[in-house]
Amino acid sequence: MRKTDIVLAIILSLLGLLGLLVVVPLQTSAGEEFGLSSAFFPNISLIALTGLSIILLIKRLVKHEPSGPNPLSSKSWFHLFVVIFLLFFSLGLIRFLGFIPGGIFLLLSLMLFMKERKIIILSTVSFGIPIGIYLLLWKLMNIPMP
């Protein structure tokens, strides 16, 4: 557990710093004369993530506990990385092909990965949810979708 906490604390602190130093400045614009800038809440969230990760890292490095069994098996790590890959790949599909094809791919691939095999459920969920969200946001609420 200690080794897992140390690895995850390092990964989360690096991701938090990457978000603070690269992603938020590139994805947000400067604030206007009044009110909060669009970077305020992402910065607060990333500062909290980075700070708590560093606290976890220091706590685990200072406090020596007997090392117990790893809470995640190698199979669980594999599943985690497959899901992360599918999420990022789907984000790319959404960016280049649009919301509906990317959403269909994401839901269909995740349901197949979780061993759902009923065709009616696969087709209804993977097609219905992205189309429903698109119609709700784009047509009803006039929120632009990719």
N, C-alpha and C. Protein backbone atom coordinates (compact mmCIF):
# COMPACT_ATOMS: atom_id res chain seq x y z
N MET A 1 0.83 -1.19 0.00
CA MET A 1 0.00 0.00 0.00
C MET A 1 0.87 1.25 0.00
N ARG A 2 1.97 1.20 0.75
CA ARG A 2 2.85 2.37 0.84
C ARG A 2 3.46 2.69 -0.51
N LYS A 3 3.95 1.66 -1.21
CA LYS A 3 4.57 1.87 -2.51
C LYS A 3 3.55 2.41 -3.52
N THR A 4 2.34 1.90 -3.50
CA THR A 4 1.29 2.38 -4.40
C THR A 4 0.96 3.84 -4.11
N ASP A 5 0.86 4.19 -2.83
CA ASP A 5 0.59 5.59 -2.46
C ASP A 5 1.69 6.52 -2.95
N ILE A 6 2.94 6.09 -2.82
CA ILE A 6 4.06 6.93 -3.26
C ILE A 6 4.01 7.13 -4.77
N VAL A 7 3.80 6.06 -5.51
CA VAL A 7 3.75 6.16 -6.98
C VAL A 7 2.59 7.04 -7.41
N LEU A 8 1.42 6.81 -6.84
CA LEU A 8 0.26 7.61 -7.23
C LEU A 8 0.40 9.07 -6.80
N ALA A 9 1.01 9.33 -5.66
CA ALA A 9 1.22 10.71 -5.22
C ALA A 9 2.16 11.44 -6.18
N ILE A 10 3.20 10.76 -6.65
CA ILE A 10 4.11 11.38 -7.61
C ILE A 10 3.39 11.65 -8.92
N ILE A 11 2.62 10.68 -9.41
CA ILE A 11 1.90 10.85 -10.67
C ILE A 11 0.89 12.00 -10.55
N LEU A 12 0.12 12.03 -9.47
CA LEU A 12 -0.87 13.08 -9.30
C LEU A 12 -0.24 14.46 -9.13
N SER A 13 0.89 14.54 -8.41
CA SER A 13 1.54 15.85 -8.29
C SER A 13 2.06 16.33 -9.63
N LEU A 14 2.63 15.42 -10.43
CA LEU A 14 3.12 15.82 -11.75
C LEU A 14 1.97 16.25 -12.66
N LEU A 15 0.86 15.51 -12.61
CA LEU A 15 -0.29 15.90 -13.42
C LEU A 15 -0.87 17.23 -12.96
N GLY A 16 -0.90 17.46 -11.66
CA GLY A 16 -1.38 18.73 -11.14
C GLY A 16 -0.50 19.89 -11.58
N LEU A 17 0.81 19.69 -11.52
CA LEU A 17 1.73 20.74 -11.97
C LEU A 17 1.62 20.96 -13.48
N LEU A 18 1.48 19.89 -14.23
CA LEU A 18 1.30 20.02 -15.67
C LEU A 18 0.04 20.82 -15.98
N GLY A 19 -1.03 20.53 -15.27
CA GLY A 19 -2.27 21.27 -15.46
C GLY A 19 -2.12 22.74 -15.10
N LEU A 20 -1.45 23.01 -13.97
CA LEU A 20 -1.27 24.40 -13.52
C LEU A 20 -0.38 25.20 -14.46
N LEU A 21 0.67 24.59 -14.94
CA LEU A 21 1.67 25.33 -15.70
C LEU A 21 1.44 25.32 -17.21
N VAL A 22 0.72 24.29 -17.71
CA VAL A 22 0.57 24.18 -19.16
C VAL A 22 -0.89 24.22 -19.60
N VAL A 23 -1.70 23.33 -19.08
CA VAL A 23 -3.05 23.16 -19.60
C VAL A 23 -3.94 24.36 -19.31
N VAL A 24 -4.01 24.79 -18.07
CA VAL A 24 -4.89 25.92 -17.73
C VAL A 24 -4.49 27.20 -18.45
N PRO A 25 -3.21 27.57 -18.49
CA PRO A 25 -2.87 28.80 -19.23
C PRO A 25 -3.19 28.71 -20.73
N LEU A 26 -3.06 27.52 -21.31
CA LEU A 26 -3.35 27.39 -22.74
C LEU A 26 -4.85 27.34 -23.05
N GLN A 27 -5.64 26.87 -22.10
CA GLN A 27 -7.06 26.63 -22.37
C GLN A 27 -7.98 27.72 -21.82
N THR A 28 -7.46 28.67 -21.08
CA THR A 28 -8.31 29.71 -20.52
C THR A 28 -7.81 31.08 -20.96
N SER A 29 -8.68 32.05 -20.88
CA SER A 29 -8.31 33.41 -21.25
C SER A 29 -8.24 34.27 -19.99
N ALA A 30 -7.64 35.43 -20.13
CA ALA A 30 -7.53 36.34 -19.00
C ALA A 30 -8.92 36.83 -18.59
N GLY A 31 -9.06 37.14 -17.31
CA GLY A 31 -10.33 37.61 -16.81
C GLY A 31 -10.63 39.03 -17.27
N GLU A 32 -11.88 39.40 -17.13
CA GLU A 32 -12.27 40.76 -17.48
C GLU A 32 -12.01 41.66 -16.29
N GLU A 33 -12.48 42.87 -16.37
CA GLU A 33 -12.22 43.83 -15.31
C GLU A 33 -12.92 43.48 -14.00
N PHE A 34 -14.02 42.77 -14.09
CA PHE A 34 -14.74 42.40 -12.89
C PHE A 34 -15.03 40.90 -12.93
N GLY A 35 -15.29 40.33 -11.80
CA GLY A 35 -15.59 38.92 -11.73
C GLY A 35 -14.33 38.07 -11.73
N LEU A 36 -14.55 36.79 -11.68
CA LEU A 36 -13.45 35.84 -11.64
C LEU A 36 -13.04 35.45 -13.06
N SER A 37 -11.77 35.20 -13.25
CA SER A 37 -11.31 34.74 -14.56
C SER A 37 -11.73 33.28 -14.74
N SER A 38 -11.71 32.84 -15.97
CA SER A 38 -12.11 31.47 -16.25
C SER A 38 -11.09 30.46 -15.73
N ALA A 39 -9.91 30.90 -15.37
CA ALA A 39 -8.88 30.00 -14.84
C ALA A 39 -8.97 29.83 -13.32
N PHE A 40 -9.85 30.57 -12.65
CA PHE A 40 -9.87 30.55 -11.19
C PHE A 40 -10.17 29.17 -10.61
N PHE A 41 -11.28 28.58 -10.98
CA PHE A 41 -11.67 27.29 -10.40
C PHE A 41 -10.76 26.14 -10.85
N PRO A 42 -10.34 26.08 -12.12
CA PRO A 42 -9.36 25.04 -12.46
C PRO A 42 -8.06 25.18 -11.66
N ASN A 43 -7.60 26.42 -11.46
CA ASN A 43 -6.39 26.62 -10.68
C ASN A 43 -6.57 26.18 -9.24
N ILE A 44 -7.70 26.52 -8.63
CA ILE A 44 -7.97 26.11 -7.25
C ILE A 44 -7.99 24.58 -7.15
N SER A 45 -8.66 23.93 -8.09
CA SER A 45 -8.73 22.46 -8.08
C SER A 45 -7.36 21.84 -8.24
N LEU A 46 -6.57 22.36 -9.16
CA LEU A 46 -5.25 21.78 -9.40
C LEU A 46 -4.28 22.08 -8.25
N ILE A 47 -4.42 23.24 -7.62
CA ILE A 47 -3.59 23.53 -6.45
C ILE A 47 -3.94 22.56 -5.32
N ALA A 48 -5.23 22.30 -5.12
CA ALA A 48 -5.64 21.34 -4.09
C ALA A 48 -5.13 19.94 -4.42
N LEU A 49 -5.26 19.51 -5.68
CA LEU A 49 -4.78 18.19 -6.08
C LEU A 49 -3.28 18.07 -5.85
N THR A 50 -2.53 19.05 -6.30
CA THR A 50 -1.08 19.01 -6.15
C THR A 50 -0.67 19.05 -4.68
N GLY A 51 -1.29 19.94 -3.92
CA GLY A 51 -0.96 20.05 -2.50
C GLY A 51 -1.26 18.78 -1.73
N LEU A 52 -2.43 18.21 -1.95
CA LEU A 52 -2.79 16.97 -1.24
C LEU A 52 -1.91 15.80 -1.68
N SER A 53 -1.51 15.79 -2.94
CA SER A 53 -0.62 14.73 -3.42
C SER A 53 0.75 14.84 -2.76
N ILE A 54 1.23 16.05 -2.64
CA ILE A 54 2.54 16.26 -1.99
C ILE A 54 2.46 15.89 -0.52
N ILE A 55 1.36 16.23 0.13
CA ILE A 55 1.18 15.84 1.54
C ILE A 55 1.17 14.32 1.68
N LEU A 56 0.46 13.64 0.78
CA LEU A 56 0.44 12.17 0.81
C LEU A 56 1.83 11.60 0.59
N LEU A 57 2.57 12.17 -0.36
CA LEU A 57 3.92 11.69 -0.64
C LEU A 57 4.82 11.86 0.58
N ILE A 58 4.79 13.03 1.20
CA ILE A 58 5.63 13.27 2.38
C ILE A 58 5.23 12.35 3.52
N LYS A 59 3.92 12.19 3.71
CA LYS A 59 3.43 11.33 4.79
C LYS A 59 3.89 9.89 4.61
N ARG A 60 3.83 9.39 3.37
CA ARG A 60 4.24 8.01 3.12
C ARG A 60 5.75 7.83 3.15
N LEU A 61 6.50 8.87 2.79
CA LEU A 61 7.96 8.75 2.84
C LEU A 61 8.48 8.81 4.27
N VAL A 62 7.81 9.60 5.12
CA VAL A 62 8.26 9.76 6.51
C VAL A 62 7.81 8.59 7.37
N LYS A 63 6.56 8.20 7.23
CA LYS A 63 6.00 7.15 8.06
C LYS A 63 6.28 5.79 7.43
N HIS A 64 7.07 4.97 8.13
CA HIS A 64 7.41 3.65 7.60
C HIS A 64 6.46 2.61 8.18
N GLU A 65 5.60 2.11 7.35
CA GLU A 65 4.68 1.06 7.76
C GLU A 65 5.16 -0.25 7.15
N PRO A 66 4.86 -1.34 7.80
CA PRO A 66 5.21 -2.61 7.16
C PRO A 66 4.43 -2.75 5.84
N SER A 67 5.13 -3.16 4.83
CA SER A 67 4.51 -3.26 3.51
C SER A 67 3.60 -4.48 3.45
N GLY A 68 2.34 -4.24 3.19
CA GLY A 68 1.38 -5.32 3.06
C GLY A 68 1.19 -5.69 1.60
N PRO A 69 0.20 -6.49 1.34
CA PRO A 69 -0.04 -6.87 -0.05
C PRO A 69 -0.51 -5.66 -0.86
N ASN A 70 -0.19 -5.68 -2.13
CA ASN A 70 -0.59 -4.61 -3.03
C ASN A 70 -2.11 -4.65 -3.18
N PRO A 71 -2.80 -3.52 -2.97
CA PRO A 71 -4.26 -3.53 -3.02
C PRO A 71 -4.80 -3.75 -4.44
N LEU A 72 -3.99 -3.47 -5.47
CA LEU A 72 -4.45 -3.67 -6.84
C LEU A 72 -3.60 -4.77 -7.49
N SER A 73 -4.28 -5.75 -8.03
CA SER A 73 -3.57 -6.82 -8.73
C SER A 73 -3.13 -6.30 -10.10
N SER A 74 -2.29 -7.07 -10.76
CA SER A 74 -1.83 -6.66 -12.09
C SER A 74 -3.00 -6.64 -13.07
N LYS A 75 -3.99 -7.49 -12.86
CA LYS A 75 -5.18 -7.48 -13.71
C LYS A 75 -5.96 -6.17 -13.54
N SER A 76 -6.05 -5.69 -12.30
CA SER A 76 -6.74 -4.43 -12.05
C SER A 76 -6.00 -3.25 -12.68
N TRP A 77 -4.67 -3.26 -12.61
CA TRP A 77 -3.89 -2.21 -13.25
C TRP A 77 -4.11 -2.23 -14.76
N PHE A 78 -4.15 -3.43 -15.33
CA PHE A 78 -4.39 -3.55 -16.77
C PHE A 78 -5.75 -2.96 -17.14
N HIS A 79 -6.77 -3.29 -16.37
CA HIS A 79 -8.11 -2.75 -16.62
C HIS A 79 -8.12 -1.22 -16.51
N LEU A 80 -7.43 -0.70 -15.51
CA LEU A 80 -7.36 0.74 -15.33
C LEU A 80 -6.73 1.42 -16.54
N PHE A 81 -5.62 0.88 -17.02
CA PHE A 81 -4.94 1.50 -18.16
C PHE A 81 -5.73 1.35 -19.46
N VAL A 82 -6.45 0.25 -19.61
CA VAL A 82 -7.30 0.09 -20.80
C VAL A 82 -8.40 1.15 -20.80
N VAL A 83 -9.04 1.36 -19.66
CA VAL A 83 -10.11 2.36 -19.57
C VAL A 83 -9.55 3.76 -19.81
N ILE A 84 -8.39 4.07 -19.24
CA ILE A 84 -7.77 5.38 -19.47
C ILE A 84 -7.46 5.56 -20.95
N PHE A 85 -6.92 4.53 -21.59
CA PHE A 85 -6.63 4.61 -23.03
C PHE A 85 -7.91 4.84 -23.83
N LEU A 86 -8.97 4.10 -23.50
CA LEU A 86 -10.24 4.28 -24.23
C LEU A 86 -10.79 5.69 -24.04
N LEU A 87 -10.66 6.24 -22.85
CA LEU A 87 -11.15 7.60 -22.62
C LEU A 87 -10.38 8.62 -23.46
N PHE A 88 -9.06 8.51 -23.47
CA PHE A 88 -8.27 9.47 -24.25
C PHE A 88 -8.48 9.27 -25.75
N PHE A 89 -8.57 8.03 -26.19
CA PHE A 89 -8.82 7.77 -27.61
C PHE A 89 -10.19 8.33 -28.02
N SER A 90 -11.17 8.17 -27.15
CA SER A 90 -12.50 8.70 -27.44
C SER A 90 -12.50 10.22 -27.47
N LEU A 91 -11.72 10.84 -26.60
CA LEU A 91 -11.60 12.30 -26.65
C LEU A 91 -11.04 12.75 -28.00
N GLY A 92 -10.07 12.01 -28.53
CA GLY A 92 -9.55 12.33 -29.86
C GLY A 92 -10.61 12.15 -30.93
N LEU A 93 -11.39 11.08 -30.82
CA LEU A 93 -12.47 10.86 -31.78
C LEU A 93 -13.51 11.98 -31.70
N ILE A 94 -13.84 12.39 -30.50
CA ILE A 94 -14.81 13.47 -30.34
C ILE A 94 -14.26 14.75 -30.96
N ARG A 95 -12.98 14.99 -30.78
CA ARG A 95 -12.39 16.21 -31.33
C ARG A 95 -12.37 16.20 -32.86
N PHE A 96 -12.07 15.05 -33.47
CA PHE A 96 -11.90 14.99 -34.92
C PHE A 96 -13.14 14.54 -35.68
N LEU A 97 -13.96 13.69 -35.08
CA LEU A 97 -15.15 13.19 -35.77
C LEU A 97 -16.45 13.79 -35.26
N GLY A 98 -16.42 14.32 -34.04
CA GLY A 98 -17.63 14.88 -33.46
C GLY A 98 -18.08 14.12 -32.24
N PHE A 99 -19.06 14.70 -31.56
CA PHE A 99 -19.52 14.15 -30.29
C PHE A 99 -20.23 12.80 -30.44
N ILE A 100 -21.09 12.70 -31.42
CA ILE A 100 -21.88 11.47 -31.54
C ILE A 100 -21.01 10.25 -31.88
N PRO A 101 -20.15 10.27 -32.91
CA PRO A 101 -19.32 9.09 -33.17
C PRO A 101 -18.36 8.77 -32.02
N GLY A 102 -17.76 9.81 -31.42
CA GLY A 102 -16.86 9.56 -30.29
C GLY A 102 -17.58 8.99 -29.09
N GLY A 103 -18.77 9.51 -28.81
CA GLY A 103 -19.56 9.00 -27.69
C GLY A 103 -20.02 7.57 -27.92
N ILE A 104 -20.42 7.28 -29.15
CA ILE A 104 -20.84 5.90 -29.47
C ILE A 104 -19.67 4.95 -29.28
N PHE A 105 -18.50 5.32 -29.80
CA PHE A 105 -17.32 4.46 -29.65
C PHE A 105 -16.99 4.26 -28.18
N LEU A 106 -17.00 5.34 -27.38
CA LEU A 106 -16.64 5.23 -25.97
C LEU A 106 -17.59 4.29 -25.23
N LEU A 107 -18.87 4.52 -25.36
CA LEU A 107 -19.82 3.68 -24.64
C LEU A 107 -19.79 2.23 -25.12
N LEU A 108 -19.72 2.05 -26.43
CA LEU A 108 -19.71 0.69 -26.97
C LEU A 108 -18.45 -0.05 -26.54
N SER A 109 -17.29 0.60 -26.62
CA SER A 109 -16.04 -0.08 -26.24
C SER A 109 -16.00 -0.37 -24.74
N LEU A 110 -16.48 0.56 -23.91
CA LEU A 110 -16.49 0.30 -22.47
C LEU A 110 -17.45 -0.84 -22.11
N MET A 111 -18.61 -0.87 -22.75
CA MET A 111 -19.56 -1.94 -22.44
C MET A 111 -19.04 -3.30 -22.92
N LEU A 112 -18.39 -3.33 -24.07
CA LEU A 112 -17.79 -4.58 -24.54
C LEU A 112 -16.64 -5.00 -23.63
N PHE A 113 -15.86 -4.04 -23.16
CA PHE A 113 -14.76 -4.35 -22.25
C PHE A 113 -15.28 -4.90 -20.93
N MET A 114 -16.47 -4.44 -20.51
CA MET A 114 -17.07 -4.94 -19.27
C MET A 114 -17.93 -6.17 -19.51
N LYS A 115 -17.76 -6.76 -20.70
CA LYS A 115 -18.38 -8.04 -21.06
C LYS A 115 -19.90 -7.99 -21.22
N GLU A 116 -20.42 -6.85 -21.62
CA GLU A 116 -21.84 -6.78 -21.97
C GLU A 116 -21.98 -7.33 -23.38
N ARG A 117 -22.89 -8.29 -23.58
CA ARG A 117 -23.00 -8.94 -24.89
C ARG A 117 -24.41 -8.87 -25.48
N LYS A 118 -25.37 -8.33 -24.76
CA LYS A 118 -26.73 -8.27 -25.29
C LYS A 118 -26.81 -7.14 -26.31
N ILE A 119 -27.14 -7.50 -27.53
CA ILE A 119 -27.14 -6.54 -28.64
C ILE A 119 -28.11 -5.39 -28.38
N ILE A 120 -29.27 -5.66 -27.84
CA ILE A 120 -30.26 -4.61 -27.62
C ILE A 120 -29.74 -3.57 -26.62
N ILE A 121 -29.07 -4.03 -25.57
CA ILE A 121 -28.52 -3.10 -24.59
C ILE A 121 -27.34 -2.33 -25.18
N LEU A 122 -26.46 -3.05 -25.89
CA LEU A 122 -25.31 -2.39 -26.52
C LEU A 122 -25.76 -1.29 -27.48
N SER A 123 -26.71 -1.61 -28.33
CA SER A 123 -27.13 -0.63 -29.34
C SER A 123 -27.94 0.51 -28.72
N THR A 124 -28.83 0.19 -27.80
CA THR A 124 -29.66 1.23 -27.20
C THR A 124 -28.83 2.23 -26.40
N VAL A 125 -27.95 1.73 -25.56
CA VAL A 125 -27.16 2.62 -24.71
C VAL A 125 -26.11 3.37 -25.53
N SER A 126 -25.35 2.64 -26.36
CA SER A 126 -24.24 3.30 -27.05
C SER A 126 -24.70 4.29 -28.11
N PHE A 127 -25.87 4.08 -28.70
CA PHE A 127 -26.39 5.05 -29.67
C PHE A 127 -27.33 6.06 -29.01
N GLY A 128 -28.15 5.61 -28.09
CA GLY A 128 -29.18 6.46 -27.50
C GLY A 128 -28.64 7.57 -26.62
N ILE A 129 -27.66 7.26 -25.79
CA ILE A 129 -27.16 8.27 -24.84
C ILE A 129 -26.42 9.40 -25.56
N PRO A 130 -25.46 9.13 -26.46
CA PRO A 130 -24.81 10.27 -27.14
C PRO A 130 -25.78 11.09 -27.99
N ILE A 131 -26.69 10.43 -28.67
CA ILE A 131 -27.67 11.17 -29.49
C ILE A 131 -28.60 11.97 -28.59
N GLY A 132 -29.04 11.39 -27.48
CA GLY A 132 -29.90 12.10 -26.54
C GLY A 132 -29.21 13.30 -25.92
N ILE A 133 -27.96 13.12 -25.50
CA ILE A 133 -27.22 14.25 -24.93
C ILE A 133 -27.02 15.34 -25.97
N TYR A 134 -26.69 14.94 -27.20
CA TYR A 134 -26.49 15.91 -28.28
C TYR A 134 -27.77 16.71 -28.53
N LEU A 135 -28.89 16.01 -28.63
CA LEU A 135 -30.16 16.70 -28.89
C LEU A 135 -30.53 17.61 -27.73
N LEU A 136 -30.32 17.15 -26.51
CA LEU A 136 -30.65 17.95 -25.34
C LEU A 136 -29.80 19.22 -25.29
N LEU A 137 -28.49 19.06 -25.42
CA LEU A 137 -27.60 20.21 -25.27
C LEU A 137 -27.62 21.13 -26.49
N TRP A 138 -27.55 20.56 -27.69
CA TRP A 138 -27.41 21.38 -28.89
C TRP A 138 -28.74 21.96 -29.34
N LYS A 139 -29.75 21.12 -29.43
CA LYS A 139 -31.02 21.58 -29.98
C LYS A 139 -31.91 22.26 -28.94
N LEU A 140 -31.96 21.73 -27.73
CA LEU A 140 -32.86 22.27 -26.73
C LEU A 140 -32.24 23.44 -25.96
N MET A 141 -30.98 23.29 -25.56
CA MET A 141 -30.35 24.32 -24.73
C MET A 141 -29.43 25.25 -25.52
N ASN A 142 -29.25 24.99 -26.79
CA ASN A 142 -28.39 25.80 -27.67
C ASN A 142 -26.94 25.89 -27.16
N ILE A 143 -26.44 24.79 -26.63
CA ILE A 143 -25.05 24.72 -26.20
C ILE A 143 -24.28 24.02 -27.31
N PRO A 144 -23.29 24.67 -27.92
CA PRO A 144 -22.58 24.06 -29.04
C PRO A 144 -21.80 22.82 -28.61
N MET A 145 -21.86 21.81 -29.43
CA MET A 145 -21.16 20.55 -29.19
C MET A 145 -20.14 20.35 -30.29
N PRO A 146 -19.05 19.64 -30.00
CA PRO A 146 -18.03 19.39 -31.04
C PRO A 146 -18.55 18.46 -32.12
